[in-house]
């Protein structure tokens, strides 16, 4: 059975989100060890945020009738940029909270 274009795009957009339970399982069971002990499970939350934002950016590109590869690249770059913005904001917030001052 051949997949139509929109089904294939939807599956590709939801792939990182569908892999989230597997990543959670691998980290929780210790198959993936990031060196943080029990705190390793926290890595699943940025993965989940990235996956959701990837899907949103991917679907925006699909809505604009972009090619499949371009849609995937647009989703990955957009989600990564959003994560960088979130982490930069958290870094600046924590720096102020810890009493760091600007030079």
Protein backbone atom coordinates (compact mmCIF):
# COMPACT_ATOMS: atom_id res chain seq x y z
CA UNK A 1 0.00 0.00 0.00
CA UNK A 2 1.55 3.26 -1.08
CA UNK A 3 1.40 6.18 1.29
CA UNK A 4 0.02 9.44 0.09
CA UNK A 5 2.21 12.51 0.38
CA UNK A 6 0.47 13.99 3.40
CA UNK A 7 0.59 10.72 5.35
CA UNK A 8 4.30 10.37 4.72
CA UNK A 9 4.88 13.98 5.78
CA UNK A 10 2.78 13.53 8.90
CA UNK A 11 4.70 10.38 9.84
CA UNK A 12 8.03 12.14 9.31
CA UNK A 13 6.87 15.10 11.38
CA UNK A 14 5.72 12.91 14.26
CA UNK A 15 8.75 10.57 14.21
CA UNK A 16 10.79 12.36 16.93
CA UNK A 17 7.71 12.61 19.13
CA UNK A 18 6.99 8.92 18.60
CA UNK A 19 10.56 8.06 19.66
CA UNK A 20 10.19 9.89 22.99
CA UNK A 21 8.87 6.90 24.99
CA UNK A 22 11.78 4.82 23.66
CA UNK A 23 14.31 7.46 24.68
CA UNK A 24 12.64 7.68 28.10
CA UNK A 25 12.84 3.90 28.50
CA UNK A 26 16.49 3.69 27.42
CA UNK A 27 17.55 6.45 29.81
CA UNK A 28 15.41 5.19 32.71
CA UNK A 29 16.69 1.62 32.42
CA UNK A 30 20.31 2.73 32.15
CA UNK A 31 20.97 1.60 28.58
CA UNK A 32 21.84 5.23 27.78
CA UNK A 33 24.10 6.62 30.48
CA UNK A 34 24.83 10.34 30.34
CA UNK A 35 26.92 10.39 33.50
CA UNK A 36 24.37 12.11 35.73
CA UNK A 37 23.04 9.12 37.61
CA UNK A 38 19.33 9.47 38.41
CA UNK A 39 19.32 12.98 36.95
CA UNK A 40 19.75 11.59 33.43
CA UNK A 41 15.98 11.32 33.05
CA UNK A 42 15.79 15.13 32.88
CA UNK A 43 17.19 14.93 29.33
CA UNK A 44 13.80 13.62 28.17
CA UNK A 45 12.14 17.00 28.77
CA UNK A 46 14.33 18.96 26.31
CA UNK A 47 13.90 16.07 23.86
CA UNK A 48 10.12 16.35 24.23
CA UNK A 49 10.17 20.13 23.78
CA UNK A 50 12.39 19.78 20.71
CA UNK A 51 10.12 17.11 19.25
CA UNK A 52 6.99 19.21 19.68
CA UNK A 53 8.61 22.31 18.22
CA UNK A 54 10.03 20.23 15.34
CA UNK A 55 6.53 19.03 14.52
CA UNK A 56 5.15 22.59 14.60
CA UNK A 57 7.90 24.01 12.36
CA UNK A 58 7.69 20.98 10.07
CA UNK A 59 3.94 21.41 9.63
CA UNK A 60 4.39 25.13 8.91
CA UNK A 61 6.77 24.18 6.10
CA UNK A 62 4.36 21.52 4.83
CA UNK A 63 1.53 24.06 4.85
CA UNK A 64 3.71 26.34 2.70
CA UNK A 65 4.09 23.46 0.20
CA UNK A 66 7.83 23.02 0.67
CA UNK A 67 9.63 19.89 -0.51
CA UNK A 68 9.96 17.02 1.96
CA UNK A 69 13.69 17.50 2.59
CA UNK A 70 13.29 21.25 2.92
CA UNK A 71 10.41 20.76 5.37
CA UNK A 72 12.52 18.44 7.51
CA UNK A 73 15.43 20.89 7.46
CA UNK A 74 13.12 23.80 8.30
CA UNK A 75 11.69 21.81 11.22
CA UNK A 76 15.10 20.80 12.57
CA UNK A 77 16.63 24.28 12.27
CA UNK A 78 13.56 25.98 13.73
CA UNK A 79 13.32 23.57 16.67
CA UNK A 80 17.05 23.83 17.39
CA UNK A 81 16.94 27.63 17.25
CA UNK A 82 13.97 27.63 19.62
CA UNK A 83 15.83 25.35 22.04
CA UNK A 84 18.91 27.61 21.87
CA UNK A 85 16.71 30.62 22.63
CA UNK A 86 15.06 28.85 25.58
CA UNK A 87 18.38 27.73 27.04
CA UNK A 88 19.94 31.17 26.55
CA UNK A 89 16.98 32.67 28.41
CA UNK A 90 17.33 30.12 31.20
CA UNK A 91 21.06 30.81 31.39
CA UNK A 92 20.52 34.56 31.69
CA UNK A 93 17.80 34.03 34.29
CA UNK A 94 20.04 31.72 36.35
CA UNK A 95 23.00 34.11 36.07
CA UNK A 96 20.88 36.90 37.55
CA UNK A 97 19.47 34.58 40.19
CA UNK A 98 22.96 33.50 41.25
CA UNK A 99 24.10 37.09 41.63
CA UNK A 100 26.27 37.44 38.54
CA UNK A 101 26.72 41.05 37.49
CA UNK A 102 27.49 42.51 34.11
CA UNK A 103 31.04 43.85 33.72
